[in-house]
Amino acid sequence: MSKAKELSGFGKAFLVASPALSGSLLRIPFGGNVGRTGGCYWTKILLILACVGMLLNTILAVWWMEDLETMQNFNGFYEWWLLGGLLAGCGIAVFPMIINVMFWSRKEEIGFS
């Protein structure tokens, strides 16, 4: 029997939605900060955190999962999977920086100062 089935519906849903939740919640303060500071420093930090989260989930999938289809040994690492998902979602928060760069590059292209 798969250990993943022992998770509640909320536990499974929260695990799947964790990157989107952390990314959308971090986008609010990051988007407000981009206009004042440019966001270069925070973009680097958020992208590094996203890479760490994806690396963590990759390591968990490769070394500690006996079978990805049946999700064996899943419950013991739920918190680590959740942390990896939350960290991977930091990359979603970088979206305001992309919009800001596109806006300012377009503004200079059409002749605004």
C-alpha atoms as a PDB file:
ATOM      1  CA  MET A   1       0.000   0.000   0.000  1.00  0.00           C
ATOM      2  CA  SER A   2       1.258   3.452  -0.893  1.00  0.00           C
ATOM      3  CA  LYS A   3       2.224   5.686   1.980  1.00  0.00           C
ATOM      4  CA  ALA A   4       1.131   8.749  -0.014  1.00  0.00           C
ATOM      5  CA  LYS A   5      -2.472   7.617   0.390  1.00  0.00           C
ATOM      6  CA  GLU A   6      -2.085   8.092   4.144  1.00  0.00           C
ATOM      7  CA  LEU A   7      -1.772  11.850   3.614  1.00  0.00           C
ATOM      8  CA  SER A   8      -4.978  13.801   3.966  1.00  0.00           C
ATOM      9  CA  GLY A   9      -6.455  15.557   0.991  1.00  0.00           C
ATOM     10  CA  PHE A  10      -5.366  18.882   2.454  1.00  0.00           C
ATOM     11  CA  GLY A  11      -1.797  17.580   2.918  1.00  0.00           C
ATOM     12  CA  LYS A  12      -1.574  16.520  -0.724  1.00  0.00           C
ATOM     13  CA  ALA A  13      -3.152  19.757  -1.971  1.00  0.00           C
ATOM     14  CA  PHE A  14      -0.873  21.910   0.190  1.00  0.00           C
ATOM     15  CA  LEU A  15       2.186  20.043  -1.068  1.00  0.00           C
ATOM     16  CA  VAL A  16       1.207  20.547  -4.694  1.00  0.00           C
ATOM     17  CA  ALA A  17       0.212  24.197  -4.206  1.00  0.00           C
ATOM     18  CA  SER A  18       3.189  25.216  -2.046  1.00  0.00           C
ATOM     19  CA  PRO A  19       5.296  26.701  -4.886  1.00  0.00           C
ATOM     20  CA  ALA A  20       2.392  28.791  -6.174  1.00  0.00           C
ATOM     21  CA  LEU A  21       1.490  29.955  -2.670  1.00  0.00           C
ATOM     22  CA  SER A  22       4.996  31.039  -1.701  1.00  0.00           C
ATOM     23  CA  GLY A  23       5.588  32.668  -5.081  1.00  0.00           C
ATOM     24  CA  SER A  24       2.389  34.668  -5.042  1.00  0.00           C
ATOM     25  CA  LEU A  25       2.832  35.775  -1.430  1.00  0.00           C
ATOM     26  CA  LEU A  26       6.448  36.840  -2.005  1.00  0.00           C
ATOM     27  CA  ARG A  27       5.485  38.691  -5.170  1.00  0.00           C
ATOM     28  CA  ILE A  28       3.619  41.341  -3.147  1.00  0.00           C
ATOM     29  CA  PRO A  29       6.562  42.772  -1.147  1.00  0.00           C
ATOM     30  CA  PHE A  30       9.028  42.107  -3.957  1.00  0.00           C
ATOM     31  CA  GLY A  31       6.869  43.905  -6.527  1.00  0.00           C
ATOM     32  CA  GLY A  32       6.569  46.936  -4.248  1.00  0.00           C
ATOM     33  CA  ASN A  33      10.309  46.965  -3.688  1.00  0.00           C
ATOM     34  CA  VAL A  34      11.259  46.758  -7.375  1.00  0.00           C
ATOM     35  CA  GLY A  35      10.082  50.288  -8.083  1.00  0.00           C
ATOM     36  CA  ARG A  36      12.191  51.754  -5.287  1.00  0.00           C
ATOM     37  CA  THR A  37      15.411  49.737  -5.367  1.00  0.00           C
ATOM     38  CA  GLY A  38      15.436  48.155  -8.806  1.00  0.00           C
ATOM     39  CA  GLY A  39      15.181  44.642  -7.429  1.00  0.00           C
ATOM     40  CA  CYS A  40      18.505  43.297  -8.732  1.00  0.00           C
ATOM     41  CA  TYR A  41      19.733  42.148  -5.316  1.00  0.00           C
ATOM     42  CA  TRP A  42      16.441  40.489  -4.360  1.00  0.00           C
ATOM     43  CA  THR A  43      16.091  38.866  -7.769  1.00  0.00           C
ATOM     44  CA  LYS A  44      19.420  37.110  -7.255  1.00  0.00           C
ATOM     45  CA  ILE A  45      18.450  35.960  -3.754  1.00  0.00           C
ATOM     46  CA  LEU A  46      15.039  34.659  -4.850  1.00  0.00           C
ATOM     47  CA  LEU A  47      16.465  32.804  -7.838  1.00  0.00           C
ATOM     48  CA  ILE A  48      19.157  31.204  -5.651  1.00  0.00           C
ATOM     49  CA  LEU A  49      16.463  30.107  -3.172  1.00  0.00           C
ATOM     50  CA  ALA A  50      14.412  28.682  -6.054  1.00  0.00           C
ATOM     51  CA  CYS A  51      17.427  26.687  -7.268  1.00  0.00           C
ATOM     52  CA  VAL A  52      18.029  25.368  -3.740  1.00  0.00           C
ATOM     53  CA  GLY A  53      14.386  24.242  -3.511  1.00  0.00           C
ATOM     54  CA  MET A  54      14.481  22.488  -6.864  1.00  0.00           C
ATOM     55  CA  LEU A  55      17.780  20.834  -5.961  1.00  0.00           C
ATOM     56  CA  LEU A  56      16.343  19.649  -2.635  1.00  0.00           C
ATOM     57  CA  ASN A  57      13.307  18.098  -4.319  1.00  0.00           C
ATOM     58  CA  THR A  58      15.517  16.497  -6.968  1.00  0.00           C
ATOM     59  CA  ILE A  59      17.735  14.941  -4.307  1.00  0.00           C
ATOM     60  CA  LEU A  60      14.668  13.665  -2.441  1.00  0.00           C
ATOM     61  CA  ALA A  61      13.219  12.167  -5.612  1.00  0.00           C
ATOM     62  CA  VAL A  62      16.418  10.479  -6.729  1.00  0.00           C
ATOM     63  CA  TRP A  63      17.826   9.117  -3.488  1.00  0.00           C
ATOM     64  CA  TRP A  64      14.960   8.706  -1.040  1.00  0.00           C
ATOM     65  CA  MET A  65      12.097   7.549  -3.218  1.00  0.00           C
ATOM     66  CA  GLU A  66      11.977   3.859  -3.980  1.00  0.00           C
ATOM     67  CA  ASP A  67       9.376   4.292  -6.648  1.00  0.00           C
ATOM     68  CA  LEU A  68       8.010   7.648  -7.819  1.00  0.00           C
ATOM     69  CA  GLU A  69       4.812   6.015  -9.067  1.00  0.00           C
ATOM     70  CA  THR A  70       3.793   4.557  -5.717  1.00  0.00           C
ATOM     71  CA  MET A  71       5.569   7.272  -3.655  1.00  0.00           C
ATOM     72  CA  GLN A  72       7.186   4.869  -1.198  1.00  0.00           C
ATOM     73  CA  ASN A  73       8.837   6.440   1.877  1.00  0.00           C
ATOM     74  CA  PHE A  74       6.943   9.662   1.257  1.00  0.00           C
ATOM     75  CA  ASN A  75       5.560  10.490   4.700  1.00  0.00           C
ATOM     76  CA  GLY A  76       8.904  10.612   6.448  1.00  0.00           C
ATOM     77  CA  PHE A  77      10.060  13.395   4.172  1.00  0.00           C
ATOM     78  CA  TYR A  78       6.846  15.413   3.823  1.00  0.00           C
ATOM     79  CA  GLU A  79       8.322  18.445   5.590  1.00  0.00           C
ATOM     80  CA  TRP A  80      11.392  18.357   3.347  1.00  0.00           C
ATOM     81  CA  TRP A  81       9.241  18.092   0.202  1.00  0.00           C
ATOM     82  CA  LEU A  82       7.157  20.991   1.475  1.00  0.00           C
ATOM     83  CA  LEU A  83      10.253  23.099   2.189  1.00  0.00           C
ATOM     84  CA  GLY A  84      11.610  22.340  -1.275  1.00  0.00           C
ATOM     85  CA  GLY A  85       8.304  23.351  -2.839  1.00  0.00           C
ATOM     86  CA  LEU A  86       8.137  26.581  -0.859  1.00  0.00           C
ATOM     87  CA  LEU A  87      11.698  27.473  -1.813  1.00  0.00           C
ATOM     88  CA  ALA A  88      11.132  26.583  -5.471  1.00  0.00           C
ATOM     89  CA  GLY A  89       8.191  28.991  -5.473  1.00  0.00           C
ATOM     90  CA  CYS A  90      10.560  31.883  -4.792  1.00  0.00           C
ATOM     91  CA  GLY A  91      11.306  31.912  -8.515  1.00  0.00           C
ATOM     92  CA  ILE A  92       7.685  32.826  -9.222  1.00  0.00           C
ATOM     93  CA  ALA A  93       8.093  36.027  -7.198  1.00  0.00           C
ATOM     94  CA  VAL A  94      10.660  37.337  -9.716  1.00  0.00           C
ATOM     95  CA  PHE A  95       7.857  38.106 -12.200  1.00  0.00           C
ATOM     96  CA  PRO A  96       7.552  41.834 -11.192  1.00  0.00           C
ATOM     97  CA  MET A  97      11.228  42.338 -12.018  1.00  0.00           C
ATOM     98  CA  ILE A  98      10.664  40.994 -15.532  1.00  0.00           C
ATOM     99  CA  ILE A  99       7.722  43.365 -16.018  1.00  0.00           C
ATOM    100  CA  ASN A 100       9.771  46.295 -14.701  1.00  0.00           C
ATOM    101  CA  VAL A 101      12.659  45.575 -17.074  1.00  0.00           C
ATOM    102  CA  MET A 102      10.275  45.244 -20.015  1.00  0.00           C
ATOM    103  CA  PHE A 103       8.519  48.502 -19.080  1.00  0.00           C
ATOM    104  CA  TRP A 104      11.695  50.574 -18.741  1.00  0.00           C
ATOM    105  CA  SER A 105      13.330  49.127 -21.865  1.00  0.00           C
ATOM    106  CA  ARG A 106      10.170  49.849 -23.863  1.00  0.00           C
ATOM    107  CA  LYS A 107       9.924  53.358 -22.378  1.00  0.00           C
ATOM    108  CA  GLU A 108      13.459  54.251 -23.538  1.00  0.00           C
ATOM    109  CA  GLU A 109      12.851  52.663 -26.939  1.00  0.00           C
ATOM    110  CA  ILE A 110       9.897  54.926 -27.731  1.00  0.00           C
ATOM    111  CA  GLY A 111      11.670  58.078 -26.532  1.00  0.00           C
ATOM    112  CA  PHE A 112      10.409  58.741 -22.987  1.00  0.00           C
ATOM    113  CA  SER A 113      12.891  60.013 -20.411  1.00  0.00           C
END
